[in-house]
Amino acid sequence: MAMQDPAIIIEEILGEADALIRRRLQERGLEVPHLVVAVTPDDQVVLRSNAPSEELPSFGKDLQDVVDELTAPMKH
């Protein structure tokens, strides 16, 4: 059996996750932007989102802030 492109597999899985998130949010009457991201073994980024493309830079900034907090030296 031939190895399928990891990006294609991840895209399919993220599509399923995105559909579930959208459905669950709708069931609860919530309208919030979300982003589902994965990275392939060869560093391709695969994402699904319900946010307009102009909001994605804001998500990037928020993610960088989280990384900065997680990697900051511990304060005593």
PDB file of N, CA and C in Angstrom:
ATOM      1  N   MET A   1       0.846  -1.177   0.000  1.00  0.00           N
ATOM      2  CA  MET A   1       0.000   0.000   0.000  1.00  0.00           C
ATOM      3  C   MET A   1       0.892   1.241   0.000  1.00  0.00           C
ATOM      4  N   ALA A   2       0.630   2.181  -0.914  1.00  0.00           N
ATOM      5  CA  ALA A   2       1.435   3.386  -1.046  1.00  0.00           C
ATOM      6  C   ALA A   2       1.127   4.364   0.084  1.00  0.00           C
ATOM      7  N   MET A   3       2.171   5.043   0.546  1.00  0.00           N
ATOM      8  CA  MET A   3       2.019   6.045   1.607  1.00  0.00           C
ATOM      9  C   MET A   3       1.329   7.279   1.026  1.00  0.00           C
ATOM     10  N   GLN A   4       0.248   7.689   1.655  1.00  0.00           N
ATOM     11  CA  GLN A   4      -0.473   8.878   1.224  1.00  0.00           C
ATOM     12  C   GLN A   4       0.223  10.117   1.771  1.00  0.00           C
ATOM     13  N   ASP A   5       0.115  11.218   1.062  1.00  0.00           N
ATOM     14  CA  ASP A   5       0.697  12.492   1.476  1.00  0.00           C
ATOM     15  C   ASP A   5       0.149  12.879   2.849  1.00  0.00           C
ATOM     16  N   PRO A   6       1.029  13.090   3.848  1.00  0.00           N
ATOM     17  CA  PRO A   6       0.553  13.455   5.186  1.00  0.00           C
ATOM     18  C   PRO A   6      -0.333  14.700   5.198  1.00  0.00           C
ATOM     19  N   ALA A   7      -0.051  15.658   4.340  1.00  0.00           N
ATOM     20  CA  ALA A   7      -0.864  16.881   4.303  1.00  0.00           C
ATOM     21  C   ALA A   7      -2.304  16.561   3.911  1.00  0.00           C
ATOM     22  N   ILE A   8      -2.498  15.629   3.006  1.00  0.00           N
ATOM     23  CA  ILE A   8      -3.841  15.242   2.583  1.00  0.00           C
ATOM     24  C   ILE A   8      -4.574  14.553   3.733  1.00  0.00           C
ATOM     25  N   ILE A   9      -3.870  13.671   4.431  1.00  0.00           N
ATOM     26  CA  ILE A   9      -4.474  12.973   5.567  1.00  0.00           C
ATOM     27  C   ILE A   9      -4.853  13.975   6.652  1.00  0.00           C
ATOM     28  N   ILE A  10      -3.933  14.865   6.990  1.00  0.00           N
ATOM     29  CA  ILE A  10      -4.190  15.855   8.032  1.00  0.00           C
ATOM     30  C   ILE A  10      -5.319  16.785   7.627  1.00  0.00           C
ATOM     31  N   GLU A  11      -5.335  17.202   6.364  1.00  0.00           N
ATOM     32  CA  GLU A  11      -6.410  18.079   5.891  1.00  0.00           C
ATOM     33  C   GLU A  11      -7.776  17.410   6.063  1.00  0.00           C
ATOM     34  N   GLU A  12      -7.863  16.129   5.763  1.00  0.00           N
ATOM     35  CA  GLU A  12      -9.118  15.392   5.933  1.00  0.00           C
ATOM     36  C   GLU A  12      -9.539  15.347   7.405  1.00  0.00           C
ATOM     37  N   ILE A  13      -8.582  15.041   8.272  1.00  0.00           N
ATOM     38  CA  ILE A  13      -8.880  14.951   9.698  1.00  0.00           C
ATOM     39  C   ILE A  13      -9.275  16.315  10.262  1.00  0.00           C
ATOM     40  N   LEU A  14      -8.546  17.352   9.887  1.00  0.00           N
ATOM     41  CA  LEU A  14      -8.893  18.687  10.375  1.00  0.00           C
ATOM     42  C   LEU A  14     -10.246  19.141   9.846  1.00  0.00           C
ATOM     43  N   GLY A  15     -10.589  18.719   8.645  1.00  0.00           N
ATOM     44  CA  GLY A  15     -11.912  19.037   8.109  1.00  0.00           C
ATOM     45  C   GLY A  15     -13.010  18.438   8.976  1.00  0.00           C
ATOM     46  N   GLU A  16     -12.796  17.193   9.413  1.00  0.00           N
ATOM     47  CA  GLU A  16     -13.762  16.544  10.303  1.00  0.00           C
ATOM     48  C   GLU A  16     -13.832  17.266  11.650  1.00  0.00           C
ATOM     49  N   ALA A  17     -12.672  17.628  12.193  1.00  0.00           N
ATOM     50  CA  ALA A  17     -12.636  18.339  13.479  1.00  0.00           C
ATOM     51  C   ALA A  17     -13.315  19.699  13.358  1.00  0.00           C
ATOM     52  N   ASP A  18     -13.057  20.404  12.283  1.00  0.00           N
ATOM     53  CA  ASP A  18     -13.665  21.713  12.057  1.00  0.00           C
ATOM     54  C   ASP A  18     -15.183  21.596  11.960  1.00  0.00           C
ATOM     55  N   ALA A  19     -15.658  20.599  11.250  1.00  0.00           N
ATOM     56  CA  ALA A  19     -17.109  20.401  11.119  1.00  0.00           C
ATOM     57  C   ALA A  19     -17.744  20.131  12.480  1.00  0.00           C
ATOM     58  N   LEU A  20     -17.076  19.322  13.301  1.00  0.00           N
ATOM     59  CA  LEU A  20     -17.581  19.038  14.639  1.00  0.00           C
ATOM     60  C   LEU A  20     -17.609  20.299  15.498  1.00  0.00           C
ATOM     61  N   ILE A  21     -16.540  21.080  15.458  1.00  0.00           N
ATOM     62  CA  ILE A  21     -16.486  22.312  16.237  1.00  0.00           C
ATOM     63  C   ILE A  21     -17.592  23.269  15.800  1.00  0.00           C
ATOM     64  N   ARG A  22     -17.757  23.442  14.496  1.00  0.00           N
ATOM     65  CA  ARG A  22     -18.813  24.334  13.997  1.00  0.00           C
ATOM     66  C   ARG A  22     -20.197  23.876  14.466  1.00  0.00           C
ATOM     67  N   ARG A  23     -20.446  22.565  14.379  1.00  0.00           N
ATOM     68  CA  ARG A  23     -21.743  22.029  14.780  1.00  0.00           C
ATOM     69  C   ARG A  23     -21.980  22.225  16.271  1.00  0.00           C
ATOM     70  N   ARG A  24     -20.985  21.919  17.076  1.00  0.00           N
ATOM     71  CA  ARG A  24     -21.129  22.058  18.527  1.00  0.00           C
ATOM     72  C   ARG A  24     -21.323  23.518  18.937  1.00  0.00           C
ATOM     73  N   LEU A  25     -20.602  24.419  18.306  1.00  0.00           N
ATOM     74  CA  LEU A  25     -20.789  25.848  18.602  1.00  0.00           C
ATOM     75  C   LEU A  25     -22.204  26.285  18.231  1.00  0.00           C
ATOM     76  N   GLN A  26     -22.664  25.857  17.063  1.00  0.00           N
ATOM     77  CA  GLN A  26     -24.009  26.226  16.616  1.00  0.00           C
ATOM     78  C   GLN A  26     -25.064  25.660  17.567  1.00  0.00           C
ATOM     79  N   GLU A  27     -24.901  24.420  17.999  1.00  0.00           N
ATOM     80  CA  GLU A  27     -25.849  23.797  18.933  1.00  0.00           C
ATOM     81  C   GLU A  27     -25.974  24.593  20.227  1.00  0.00           C
ATOM     82  N   ARG A  28     -24.885  25.235  20.620  1.00  0.00           N
ATOM     83  CA  ARG A  28     -24.878  26.000  21.869  1.00  0.00           C
ATOM     84  C   ARG A  28     -25.106  27.495  21.660  1.00  0.00           C
ATOM     85  N   GLY A  29     -25.368  27.863  20.422  1.00  0.00           N
ATOM     86  CA  GLY A  29     -25.667  29.254  20.113  1.00  0.00           C
ATOM     87  C   GLY A  29     -24.479  30.192  20.214  1.00  0.00           C
ATOM     88  N   LEU A  30     -23.284  29.659  20.065  1.00  0.00           N
ATOM     89  CA  LEU A  30     -22.077  30.485  20.132  1.00  0.00           C
ATOM     90  C   LEU A  30     -21.570  30.806  18.739  1.00  0.00           C
ATOM     91  N   GLU A  31     -21.202  32.059  18.548  1.00  0.00           N
ATOM     92  CA  GLU A  31     -20.579  32.476  17.298  1.00  0.00           C
ATOM     93  C   GLU A  31     -19.218  33.061  17.636  1.00  0.00           C
ATOM     94  N   VAL A  32     -18.213  32.218  17.642  1.00  0.00           N
ATOM     95  CA  VAL A  32     -16.857  32.643  17.951  1.00  0.00           C
ATOM     96  C   VAL A  32     -15.913  32.122  16.874  1.00  0.00           C
ATOM     97  N   PRO A  33     -14.884  32.903  16.554  1.00  0.00           N
ATOM     98  CA  PRO A  33     -13.921  32.409  15.571  1.00  0.00           C
ATOM     99  C   PRO A  33     -13.072  31.291  16.173  1.00  0.00           C
ATOM    100  N   HIS A  34     -12.707  30.340  15.336  1.00  0.00           N
ATOM    101  CA  HIS A  34     -11.815  29.280  15.795  1.00  0.00           C
ATOM    102  C   HIS A  34     -10.832  28.938  14.685  1.00  0.00           C
ATOM    103  N   LEU A  35      -9.758  28.310  15.103  1.00  0.00           N
ATOM    104  CA  LEU A  35      -8.692  27.922  14.190  1.00  0.00           C
ATOM    105  C   LEU A  35      -8.204  26.545  14.627  1.00  0.00           C
ATOM    106  N   VAL A  36      -8.133  25.617  13.690  1.00  0.00           N
ATOM    107  CA  VAL A  36      -7.625  24.269  13.952  1.00  0.00           C
ATOM    108  C   VAL A  36      -6.382  24.110  13.074  1.00  0.00           C
ATOM    109  N   VAL A  37      -5.243  23.822  13.697  1.00  0.00           N
ATOM    110  CA  VAL A  37      -3.967  23.810  12.979  1.00  0.00           C
ATOM    111  C   VAL A  37      -3.200  22.529  13.269  1.00  0.00           C
ATOM    112  N   ALA A  38      -2.527  22.039  12.251  1.00  0.00           N
ATOM    113  CA  ALA A  38      -1.595  20.920  12.422  1.00  0.00           C
ATOM    114  C   ALA A  38      -0.414  21.159  11.486  1.00  0.00           C
ATOM    115  N   VAL A  39       0.702  20.535  11.817  1.00  0.00           N
ATOM    116  CA  VAL A  39       1.913  20.660  11.007  1.00  0.00           C
ATOM    117  C   VAL A  39       2.352  19.259  10.603  1.00  0.00           C
ATOM    118  N   THR A  40       2.645  19.090   9.320  1.00  0.00           N
ATOM    119  CA  THR A  40       3.084  17.794   8.812  1.00  0.00           C
ATOM    120  C   THR A  40       4.524  17.529   9.224  1.00  0.00           C
ATOM    121  N   PRO A  41       4.980  16.289   9.092  1.00  0.00           N
ATOM    122  CA  PRO A  41       6.374  15.981   9.435  1.00  0.00           C
ATOM    123  C   PRO A  41       7.391  16.809   8.637  1.00  0.00           C
ATOM    124  N   ASP A  42       6.992  17.288   7.453  1.00  0.00           N
ATOM    125  CA  ASP A  42       7.918  18.112   6.661  1.00  0.00           C
ATOM    126  C   ASP A  42       7.585  19.607   6.770  1.00  0.00           C
ATOM    127  N   ASP A  43       6.937  19.989   7.875  1.00  0.00           N
ATOM    128  CA  ASP A  43       6.682  21.381   8.251  1.00  0.00           C
ATOM    129  C   ASP A  43       5.681  22.134   7.365  1.00  0.00           C
ATOM    130  N   GLN A  44       4.766  21.426   6.736  1.00  0.00           N
ATOM    131  CA  GLN A  44       3.673  22.101   6.046  1.00  0.00           C
ATOM    132  C   GLN A  44       2.580  22.392   7.068  1.00  0.00           C
ATOM    133  N   VAL A  45       2.055  23.604   7.051  1.00  0.00           N
ATOM    134  CA  VAL A  45       0.987  23.975   7.972  1.00  0.00           C
ATOM    135  C   VAL A  45      -0.352  23.731   7.295  1.00  0.00           C
ATOM    136  N   VAL A  46      -1.232  23.025   7.983  1.00  0.00           N
ATOM    137  CA  VAL A  46      -2.577  22.754   7.484  1.00  0.00           C
ATOM    138  C   VAL A  46      -3.537  23.373   8.489  1.00  0.00           C
ATOM    139  N   LEU A  47      -4.481  24.183   8.005  1.00  0.00           N
ATOM    140  CA  LEU A  47      -5.413  24.799   8.940  1.00  0.00           C
ATOM    141  C   LEU A  47      -6.816  24.841   8.384  1.00  0.00           C
ATOM    142  N   ARG A  48      -7.743  24.892   9.312  1.00  0.00           N
ATOM    143  CA  ARG A  48      -9.163  25.098   9.029  1.00  0.00           C
ATOM    144  C   ARG A  48      -9.633  26.162   9.995  1.00  0.00           C
ATOM    145  N   SER A  49     -10.491  27.041   9.520  1.00  0.00           N
ATOM    146  CA  SER A  49     -10.953  28.130  10.365  1.00  0.00           C
ATOM    147  C   SER A  49     -12.296  28.635   9.875  1.00  0.00           C
ATOM    148  N   ASN A  50     -13.051  29.207  10.793  1.00  0.00           N
ATOM    149  CA  ASN A  50     -14.276  29.878  10.402  1.00  0.00           C
ATOM    150  C   ASN A  50     -14.080  31.393  10.429  1.00  0.00           C
ATOM    151  N   ALA A  51     -12.869  31.832  10.704  1.00  0.00           N
ATOM    152  CA  ALA A  51     -12.568  33.259  10.785  1.00  0.00           C
ATOM    153  C   ALA A  51     -12.212  33.803   9.401  1.00  0.00           C
ATOM    154  N   PRO A  52     -12.588  35.041   9.137  1.00  0.00           N
ATOM    155  CA  PRO A  52     -12.182  35.659   7.875  1.00  0.00           C
ATOM    156  C   PRO A  52     -10.652  35.767   7.805  1.00  0.00           C
ATOM    157  N   SER A  53     -10.105  35.707   6.618  1.00  0.00           N
ATOM    158  CA  SER A  53      -8.644  35.713   6.458  1.00  0.00           C
ATOM    159  C   SER A  53      -7.998  36.948   7.072  1.00  0.00           C
ATOM    160  N   GLU A  54      -8.712  38.063   7.121  1.00  0.00           N
ATOM    161  CA  GLU A  54      -8.112  39.261   7.713  1.00  0.00           C
ATOM    162  C   GLU A  54      -7.955  39.151   9.233  1.00  0.00           C
ATOM    163  N   GLU A  55      -8.616  38.178   9.860  1.00  0.00           N
ATOM    164  CA  GLU A  55      -8.459  37.965  11.302  1.00  0.00           C
ATOM    165  C   GLU A  55      -7.321  37.006  11.633  1.00  0.00           C
ATOM    166  N   LEU A  56      -6.812  36.277  10.667  1.00  0.00           N
ATOM    167  CA  LEU A  56      -5.769  35.286  10.936  1.00  0.00           C
ATOM    168  C   LEU A  56      -4.489  35.900  11.503  1.00  0.00           C
ATOM    169  N   PRO A  57      -4.058  37.092  11.057  1.00  0.00           N
ATOM    170  CA  PRO A  57      -2.868  37.675  11.701  1.00  0.00           C
ATOM    171  C   PRO A  57      -3.054  37.889  13.204  1.00  0.00           C
ATOM    172  N   SER A  58      -4.260  38.206  13.626  1.00  0.00           N
ATOM    173  CA  SER A  58      -4.531  38.369  15.054  1.00  0.00           C
ATOM    174  C   SER A  58      -4.351  37.043  15.783  1.00  0.00           C
ATOM    175  N   PHE A  59      -4.817  35.948  15.175  1.00  0.00           N
ATOM    176  CA  PHE A  59      -4.606  34.622  15.761  1.00  0.00           C
ATOM    177  C   PHE A  59      -3.104  34.348  15.885  1.00  0.00           C
ATOM    178  N   GLY A  60      -2.358  34.718  14.851  1.00  0.00           N
ATOM    179  CA  GLY A  60      -0.910  34.508  14.871  1.00  0.00           C
ATOM    180  C   GLY A  60      -0.251  35.257  16.016  1.00  0.00           C
ATOM    181  N   LYS A  61      -0.671  36.487  16.225  1.00  0.00           N
ATOM    182  CA  LYS A  61      -0.136  37.299  17.323  1.00  0.00           C
ATOM    183  C   LYS A  61      -0.472  36.654  18.663  1.00  0.00           C
ATOM    184  N   ASP A  62      -1.727  36.215  18.813  1.00  0.00           N
ATOM    185  CA  ASP A  62      -2.138  35.565  20.062  1.00  0.00           C
ATOM    186  C   ASP A  62      -1.323  34.292  20.312  1.00  0.00           C
ATOM    187  N   LEU A  63      -1.101  33.517  19.270  1.00  0.00           N
ATOM    188  CA  LEU A  63      -0.327  32.288  19.409  1.00  0.00           C
ATOM    189  C   LEU A  63       1.114  32.608  19.797  1.00  0.00           C
ATOM    190  N   GLN A  64       1.692  33.633  19.212  1.00  0.00           N
ATOM    191  CA  GLN A  64       3.052  34.027  19.565  1.00  0.00           C
ATOM    192  C   GLN A  64       3.123  34.467  21.026  1.00  0.00           C
ATOM    193  N   ASP A  65       2.096  35.181  21.488  1.00  0.00           N
ATOM    194  CA  ASP A  65       2.056  35.596  22.893  1.00  0.00           C
ATOM    195  C   ASP A  65       2.033  34.383  23.819  1.00  0.00           C
ATOM    196  N   VAL A  66       1.261  33.355  23.450  1.00  0.00           N
ATOM    197  CA  VAL A  66       1.204  32.129  24.258  1.00  0.00           C
ATOM    198  C   VAL A  66       2.570  31.451  24.276  1.00  0.00           C
ATOM    199  N   VAL A  67       3.210  31.368  23.122  1.00  0.00           N
ATOM    200  CA  VAL A  67       4.536  30.761  23.049  1.00  0.00           C
ATOM    201  C   VAL A  67       5.520  31.530  23.920  1.00  0.00           C
ATOM    202  N   ASP A  68       5.470  32.851  23.851  1.00  0.00           N
ATOM    203  CA  ASP A  68       6.379  33.670  24.663  1.00  0.00           C
ATOM    204  C   ASP A  68       6.164  33.398  26.149  1.00  0.00           C
ATOM    205  N   GLU A  69       4.907  33.276  26.567  1.00  0.00           N
ATOM    206  CA  GLU A  69       4.609  32.997  27.977  1.00  0.00           C
ATOM    207  C   GLU A  69       5.121  31.605  28.368  1.00  0.00           C
ATOM    208  N   LEU A  70       4.916  30.626  27.504  1.00  0.00           N
ATOM    209  CA  LEU A  70       5.316  29.262  27.830  1.00  0.00           C
ATOM    210  C   LEU A  70       6.826  29.083  27.858  1.00  0.00           C
ATOM    211  N   THR A  71       7.537  29.881  27.076  1.00  0.00           N
ATOM    212  CA  THR A  71       8.984  29.718  26.988  1.00  0.00           C
ATOM    213  C   THR A  71       9.761  30.729  27.828  1.00  0.00           C
ATOM    214  N   ALA A  72       9.039  31.625  28.506  1.00  0.00           N
ATOM    215  CA  ALA A  72       9.701  32.616  29.361  1.00  0.00           C
ATOM    216  C   ALA A  72      10.318  31.926  30.565  1.00  0.00           C
ATOM    217  N   PRO A  73      11.453  32.445  31.028  1.00  0.00           N
ATOM    218  CA  PRO A  73      12.053  31.875  32.238  1.00  0.00           C
ATOM    219  C   PRO A  73      11.100  32.012  33.426  1.00  0.00           C
ATOM    220  N   MET A  74      11.122  31.027  34.281  1.00  0.00           N
ATOM    221  CA  MET A  74      10.272  31.044  35.469  1.00  0.00           C
ATOM    222  C   MET A  74      10.720  32.172  36.390  1.00  0.00           C
ATOM    223  N   LYS A  75       9.736  32.927  36.908  1.00  0.00           N
ATOM    224  CA  LYS A  75      10.044  33.981  37.878  1.00  0.00           C
ATOM    225  C   LYS A  75       9.901  33.403  39.282  1.00  0.00           C
ATOM    226  N   HIS A  76      10.827  33.712  40.125  1.00  0.00           N
ATOM    227  CA  HIS A  76      10.802  33.199  41.502  1.00  0.00           C
ATOM    228  C   HIS A  76      10.243  34.218  42.434  1.00  0.00           C
TER     229      HIS A  76
END
